[in-house]
N, C-alpha and C. Protein backbone atom coordinates (compact mmCIF):
# COMPACT_ATOMS: atom_id res chain seq x y z
N MET A 1 90.60 -9.48 -9.83
CA MET A 1 89.88 -8.28 -10.55
C MET A 1 89.50 -7.29 -9.54
N THR A 2 89.68 -6.04 -9.92
CA THR A 2 89.51 -4.65 -9.18
C THR A 2 88.14 -4.30 -9.17
N VAL A 3 87.43 -3.90 -8.39
CA VAL A 3 85.63 -3.28 -8.58
C VAL A 3 86.09 -1.96 -8.30
N ILE A 4 85.73 -1.34 -9.24
CA ILE A 4 85.99 0.32 -9.47
C ILE A 4 84.83 0.81 -8.63
N THR A 5 84.92 1.96 -8.20
CA THR A 5 84.21 3.06 -7.36
C THR A 5 83.87 4.31 -8.14
N ARG A 6 82.58 4.82 -8.04
CA ARG A 6 82.72 6.13 -8.26
C ARG A 6 83.00 7.42 -8.09
N SER A 7 84.20 8.14 -8.85
CA SER A 7 85.01 9.29 -8.17
C SER A 7 83.91 10.61 -8.21
N ASN A 8 83.41 10.67 -9.21
CA ASN A 8 82.57 12.07 -9.58
C ASN A 8 81.41 11.36 -10.42
N THR A 9 80.77 12.39 -11.06
CA THR A 9 79.73 12.12 -12.17
C THR A 9 79.84 11.48 -13.25
N ASN A 10 81.24 11.76 -13.58
CA ASN A 10 81.92 11.18 -15.05
C ASN A 10 82.90 10.31 -15.02
N TRP A 11 83.65 10.36 -14.09
CA TRP A 11 85.12 9.60 -14.00
C TRP A 11 84.78 8.31 -13.11
N GLN A 12 85.05 7.29 -13.29
CA GLN A 12 85.24 5.99 -12.37
C GLN A 12 86.83 5.84 -11.96
N THR A 13 87.15 5.77 -10.94
CA THR A 13 88.38 5.17 -10.42
C THR A 13 88.10 3.51 -10.63
N LEU A 14 89.69 3.33 -11.45
CA LEU A 14 89.50 1.64 -11.62
C LEU A 14 90.66 1.05 -10.90
N CYS A 15 91.73 1.59 -10.40
CA CYS A 15 92.52 1.47 -9.59
C CYS A 15 93.95 2.17 -9.41
N GLN A 16 94.91 2.10 -8.78
CA GLN A 16 95.97 3.07 -8.27
C GLN A 16 96.76 2.99 -9.46
N LYS A 17 97.41 3.62 -9.70
CA LYS A 17 98.54 3.85 -10.72
C LYS A 17 99.80 2.66 -10.43
N ASP A 18 99.92 2.67 -9.26
CA ASP A 18 100.90 1.59 -8.79
C ASP A 18 100.32 0.31 -8.98
N ASP A 19 99.12 -0.15 -9.33
CA ASP A 19 98.61 -1.58 -9.12
C ASP A 19 99.01 -2.02 -10.85
N LEU A 20 99.31 -1.02 -11.51
CA LEU A 20 99.70 -1.44 -12.95
C LEU A 20 101.23 -1.43 -13.28
N VAL A 21 101.62 -2.27 -13.92
CA VAL A 21 102.92 -2.52 -14.72
C VAL A 21 103.24 -2.35 -16.18
N LYS A 22 103.84 -1.69 -16.60
CA LYS A 22 104.03 -1.34 -17.96
C LYS A 22 104.28 -2.35 -19.04
N HIS A 23 103.32 -2.26 -19.85
CA HIS A 23 103.28 -3.19 -20.86
C HIS A 23 102.17 -4.58 -20.65
N SER A 24 101.70 -4.51 -19.03
CA SER A 24 101.01 -5.43 -19.24
C SER A 24 99.52 -4.79 -18.74
N GLY A 25 98.65 -5.80 -18.92
CA GLY A 25 96.96 -5.54 -18.55
C GLY A 25 96.75 -5.90 -17.25
N VAL A 26 95.87 -5.10 -16.83
CA VAL A 26 94.99 -5.25 -15.47
C VAL A 26 93.39 -5.39 -15.74
N CYS A 27 92.65 -6.61 -15.17
CA CYS A 27 91.28 -6.42 -15.55
C CYS A 27 90.39 -5.60 -14.61
N ALA A 28 89.72 -4.85 -14.52
CA ALA A 28 88.77 -4.05 -13.60
C ALA A 28 87.15 -4.19 -14.39
N LEU A 29 86.34 -4.19 -13.25
CA LEU A 29 84.71 -4.02 -13.39
C LEU A 29 84.37 -2.50 -13.53
N LEU A 30 83.61 -2.37 -14.69
CA LEU A 30 83.17 -1.03 -14.70
C LEU A 30 81.68 -1.31 -14.47
N ASP A 31 81.03 -0.33 -13.57
CA ASP A 31 79.87 -0.27 -12.84
C ASP A 31 79.48 -1.81 -12.58
N ASN A 32 80.54 -2.54 -11.78
CA ASN A 32 80.22 -3.67 -11.25
C ASN A 32 79.53 -4.47 -12.33
N GLU A 33 79.73 -4.51 -13.34
CA GLU A 33 79.25 -5.40 -14.43
C GLU A 33 80.12 -5.81 -15.59
N GLN A 34 80.86 -4.58 -16.31
CA GLN A 34 81.34 -4.93 -17.62
C GLN A 34 82.95 -4.98 -17.45
N GLN A 35 83.68 -5.90 -17.79
CA GLN A 35 84.88 -6.32 -17.74
C GLN A 35 85.75 -5.23 -18.81
N VAL A 36 86.49 -4.45 -18.31
CA VAL A 36 87.79 -3.72 -18.81
C VAL A 36 89.07 -3.79 -18.95
N ALA A 37 89.74 -3.56 -19.83
CA ALA A 37 91.35 -3.97 -19.83
C ALA A 37 91.93 -2.85 -19.63
N ILE A 38 92.89 -2.75 -18.58
CA ILE A 38 93.62 -1.28 -18.41
C ILE A 38 95.06 -1.37 -18.82
N PHE A 39 95.88 -0.76 -19.49
CA PHE A 39 97.28 -0.58 -19.95
C PHE A 39 97.95 0.62 -19.55
N LEU A 40 99.08 0.23 -19.24
CA LEU A 40 100.07 1.27 -19.17
C LEU A 40 101.22 1.09 -19.97
N ILE A 41 101.55 2.20 -20.74
CA ILE A 41 102.66 1.78 -21.60
C ILE A 41 103.99 3.23 -21.57
N ASP A 42 104.81 2.68 -22.06
CA ASP A 42 106.25 3.73 -21.77
C ASP A 42 106.29 5.15 -21.38
N ASP A 43 105.35 5.85 -21.80
CA ASP A 43 105.52 7.27 -21.20
C ASP A 43 104.30 7.60 -20.35
N ASP A 44 104.16 6.47 -19.23
CA ASP A 44 103.09 6.39 -18.47
C ASP A 44 101.75 6.70 -18.63
N SER A 45 101.25 6.54 -20.00
CA SER A 45 100.08 6.91 -20.27
C SER A 45 99.06 5.48 -20.00
N ALA A 46 97.98 5.62 -19.57
CA ALA A 46 97.29 4.34 -19.87
C ALA A 46 96.13 4.52 -20.35
N PHE A 47 95.64 3.53 -21.09
CA PHE A 47 94.57 3.12 -21.88
C PHE A 47 93.43 2.06 -21.78
N THR A 48 92.29 2.48 -21.53
CA THR A 48 91.41 1.50 -21.15
C THR A 48 90.33 0.84 -22.28
N ILE A 49 90.09 -0.24 -22.44
CA ILE A 49 89.46 -0.89 -23.71
C ILE A 49 88.51 -2.01 -22.84
N SER A 50 87.39 -2.38 -23.66
CA SER A 50 86.87 -3.26 -23.22
C SER A 50 87.67 -4.75 -22.88
N ASN A 51 87.39 -5.60 -22.27
CA ASN A 51 88.51 -7.06 -22.06
C ASN A 51 87.64 -7.90 -22.92
N TRP A 52 86.55 -7.86 -23.42
CA TRP A 52 85.66 -8.69 -24.26
C TRP A 52 86.36 -8.74 -25.95
N ASP A 53 86.79 -9.95 -26.22
CA ASP A 53 87.30 -10.31 -27.41
C ASP A 53 86.38 -10.73 -28.44
N PRO A 54 86.14 -9.83 -29.48
CA PRO A 54 85.04 -10.44 -30.19
C PRO A 54 85.27 -11.37 -31.21
N ALA A 55 86.30 -11.87 -31.53
CA ALA A 55 86.93 -12.86 -32.19
C ALA A 55 86.69 -14.22 -31.36
N GLY A 56 87.46 -14.19 -30.24
CA GLY A 56 87.29 -15.17 -29.41
C GLY A 56 86.23 -15.74 -28.66
N ASN A 57 85.47 -14.45 -28.49
CA ASN A 57 84.28 -14.61 -27.51
C ASN A 57 84.40 -15.00 -25.72
N ALA A 58 85.41 -14.17 -25.76
CA ALA A 58 85.97 -14.42 -24.26
C ALA A 58 86.65 -13.18 -23.75
N ASN A 59 86.43 -12.98 -22.41
CA ASN A 59 87.04 -11.77 -21.48
C ASN A 59 88.35 -11.94 -21.22
N VAL A 60 89.44 -11.49 -22.35
CA VAL A 60 90.93 -12.11 -22.13
C VAL A 60 91.80 -10.67 -22.59
N LEU A 61 91.34 -9.51 -23.30
CA LEU A 61 92.00 -8.86 -23.88
C LEU A 61 93.13 -8.37 -22.69
N TYR A 62 92.93 -8.05 -21.53
CA TYR A 62 94.01 -7.96 -20.26
C TYR A 62 95.32 -8.75 -20.47
N ARG A 63 95.19 -9.71 -20.94
CA ARG A 63 96.24 -10.82 -20.84
C ARG A 63 97.02 -10.64 -22.20
N GLY A 64 96.36 -9.73 -23.45
CA GLY A 64 97.49 -9.64 -24.42
C GLY A 64 98.67 -9.19 -24.51
N LEU A 65 99.15 -9.16 -25.66
CA LEU A 65 100.55 -8.61 -25.68
C LEU A 65 100.37 -7.21 -26.09
N ILE A 66 101.08 -6.12 -25.53
CA ILE A 66 101.28 -4.64 -26.23
C ILE A 66 102.25 -4.27 -27.01
N GLY A 67 101.90 -3.89 -28.45
CA GLY A 67 102.93 -3.75 -29.28
C GLY A 67 102.75 -2.45 -30.07
N ASP A 68 103.67 -1.95 -30.82
CA ASP A 68 103.72 -0.89 -31.45
C ASP A 68 103.83 -0.94 -33.21
N GLU A 69 102.97 -0.41 -33.79
CA GLU A 69 103.46 -0.60 -35.34
C GLU A 69 102.92 0.88 -35.97
N ASN A 70 103.95 1.61 -36.34
CA ASN A 70 103.97 2.74 -36.82
C ASN A 70 103.44 3.91 -36.17
N GLY A 71 103.46 3.67 -34.83
CA GLY A 71 103.18 4.69 -34.04
C GLY A 71 101.77 4.42 -33.28
N GLU A 72 101.25 3.26 -33.61
CA GLU A 72 99.71 2.81 -33.16
C GLU A 72 100.08 1.80 -32.12
N VAL A 73 99.75 2.19 -30.86
CA VAL A 73 100.04 1.35 -29.64
C VAL A 73 98.85 0.43 -29.96
N PHE A 74 98.90 -0.93 -29.79
CA PHE A 74 97.86 -2.09 -29.82
C PHE A 74 97.94 -3.00 -28.70
N VAL A 75 96.99 -3.81 -28.44
CA VAL A 75 97.17 -5.10 -27.72
C VAL A 75 96.70 -6.39 -28.66
N ALA A 76 97.51 -7.55 -28.72
CA ALA A 76 97.37 -8.33 -29.68
C ALA A 76 96.43 -9.36 -28.69
N SER A 77 95.43 -9.78 -28.98
CA SER A 77 94.54 -10.68 -28.27
C SER A 77 95.25 -12.05 -28.05
N PRO A 78 95.11 -12.62 -26.85
CA PRO A 78 95.67 -13.73 -26.37
C PRO A 78 95.52 -15.29 -27.36
N LEU A 79 94.06 -14.76 -27.97
CA LEU A 79 93.43 -16.12 -28.34
C LEU A 79 93.88 -16.28 -30.04
N TYR A 80 93.30 -15.34 -30.75
CA TYR A 80 93.53 -15.18 -32.21
C TYR A 80 94.73 -14.31 -32.76
N LYS A 81 94.77 -13.66 -31.76
CA LYS A 81 96.07 -12.71 -32.30
C LYS A 81 95.86 -11.24 -32.88
N GLU A 82 94.55 -11.14 -32.80
CA GLU A 82 93.93 -9.62 -33.64
C GLU A 82 94.53 -8.48 -32.62
N ARG A 83 94.77 -7.44 -33.51
CA ARG A 83 95.34 -6.26 -32.67
C ARG A 83 94.46 -5.30 -32.64
N PHE A 84 94.04 -4.68 -31.54
CA PHE A 84 93.43 -3.83 -31.08
C PHE A 84 93.95 -2.37 -30.98
N ALA A 85 93.76 -1.48 -31.54
CA ALA A 85 94.17 -0.18 -31.15
C ALA A 85 93.94 -0.11 -29.63
N LEU A 86 94.70 0.68 -28.97
CA LEU A 86 94.45 1.10 -27.60
C LEU A 86 93.79 2.70 -27.70
N SER A 87 94.05 3.16 -28.46
CA SER A 87 93.51 4.53 -28.72
C SER A 87 92.09 4.55 -28.91
N ASP A 88 91.33 3.98 -29.89
CA ASP A 88 90.14 3.69 -30.11
C ASP A 88 89.39 2.55 -30.63
N GLY A 89 90.32 1.18 -30.16
CA GLY A 89 89.51 0.23 -30.16
C GLY A 89 89.24 -0.72 -31.33
N ARG A 90 89.52 -0.25 -32.51
CA ARG A 90 89.52 -0.57 -33.73
C ARG A 90 90.34 -1.77 -33.89
N CYS A 91 90.17 -2.85 -34.64
CA CYS A 91 90.74 -4.03 -34.81
C CYS A 91 91.71 -3.35 -36.15
N LEU A 92 93.17 -3.76 -36.26
CA LEU A 92 93.79 -3.33 -37.19
C LEU A 92 94.20 -4.81 -38.15
N ASP A 93 93.64 -5.49 -37.81
CA ASP A 93 93.47 -6.66 -38.90
C ASP A 93 92.24 -7.31 -39.15
N ASP A 94 91.11 -6.79 -38.71
CA ASP A 94 89.99 -6.94 -39.62
C ASP A 94 88.73 -5.90 -39.34
N GLU A 95 88.23 -5.32 -40.36
CA GLU A 95 87.75 -3.72 -40.01
C GLU A 95 86.37 -4.26 -39.57
N SER A 96 86.16 -5.72 -39.61
CA SER A 96 84.52 -5.83 -39.05
C SER A 96 84.83 -6.15 -37.46
N LEU A 97 85.82 -6.01 -36.64
CA LEU A 97 85.62 -6.13 -35.41
C LEU A 97 86.30 -5.10 -34.74
N SER A 98 85.66 -4.83 -33.71
CA SER A 98 86.31 -3.71 -32.98
C SER A 98 85.97 -3.88 -31.25
N VAL A 99 86.67 -3.19 -30.34
CA VAL A 99 86.02 -2.99 -29.01
C VAL A 99 85.93 -1.47 -28.60
N THR A 100 85.18 -1.44 -27.32
CA THR A 100 84.96 -0.32 -27.01
C THR A 100 86.04 0.40 -26.10
N SER A 101 86.26 1.78 -26.48
CA SER A 101 87.55 2.41 -25.61
C SER A 101 86.84 3.22 -24.72
N TYR A 102 88.12 3.66 -23.79
CA TYR A 102 87.64 4.44 -22.54
C TYR A 102 88.75 5.67 -22.54
N ALA A 103 88.04 7.16 -22.63
CA ALA A 103 89.20 8.10 -22.25
C ALA A 103 89.24 7.34 -20.44
N THR A 104 90.77 7.81 -20.55
CA THR A 104 91.63 7.73 -19.33
C THR A 104 92.46 8.35 -19.00
N ARG A 105 92.52 8.63 -17.84
CA ARG A 105 93.42 9.63 -17.20
C ARG A 105 94.14 9.13 -15.52
N ILE A 106 95.21 9.68 -15.53
CA ILE A 106 95.64 9.41 -14.16
C ILE A 106 95.61 10.75 -13.43
N GLU A 107 94.95 10.61 -12.10
CA GLU A 107 94.77 12.00 -11.43
C GLU A 107 95.08 11.57 -9.88
N GLN A 108 96.12 12.00 -9.56
CA GLN A 108 96.48 11.81 -7.77
C GLN A 108 96.75 10.60 -7.78
N GLY A 109 97.32 9.73 -8.40
CA GLY A 109 97.79 8.66 -8.58
C GLY A 109 96.45 7.33 -8.75
N GLN A 110 95.61 8.01 -9.29
CA GLN A 110 94.25 7.01 -9.56
C GLN A 110 94.07 6.88 -10.76
N VAL A 111 93.80 5.74 -11.43
CA VAL A 111 93.51 5.56 -13.03
C VAL A 111 92.12 5.67 -13.08
N GLN A 112 91.44 6.48 -13.84
CA GLN A 112 90.16 7.07 -13.75
C GLN A 112 89.72 6.70 -15.37
N VAL A 113 88.17 6.36 -15.70
CA VAL A 113 87.83 6.49 -16.94
C VAL A 113 86.70 7.28 -16.98
N LEU A 114 86.47 7.80 -18.11
CA LEU A 114 85.34 8.56 -18.47
C LEU A 114 84.28 7.79 -19.09
N VAL A 115 83.06 7.77 -18.16
CA VAL A 115 81.84 6.92 -18.77
C VAL A 115 80.71 7.81 -18.42
C-alpha cells in the first residue's frame, strides 16, 4: 500500500505513474486514513475511486476487473461483481450503491487526486 503525500493545497500525490499497470488497480491511502483504488486504462488516463466495496463491506475494489460497457469504463468488484463506473463511482448494477470518485491527473509522472 502506498502512503500519499500532499503536493499542494488541492492535489495529493498518490504514486508515480510507473507504479501503475494498465487494466489493474493499486491501493493507496488518502490523508493517511482512507483507502482509494487507482486504475490506469488504455489511453493512459488514471481514475481514482474509494476502495470500499459497499456490497461486500470490504476494501477490495483495487483487486477488481476493469471492463468497458458502451464506452463506460468500470471496475467489477472481486466479491459480488457489482460494476462501479470509474468516471463517477455509480454502480451500474444497483442504483442504491455507489463509491466516491476523485478527479485524477498525471503531472510530471506523478498520479494526483483533487481533495
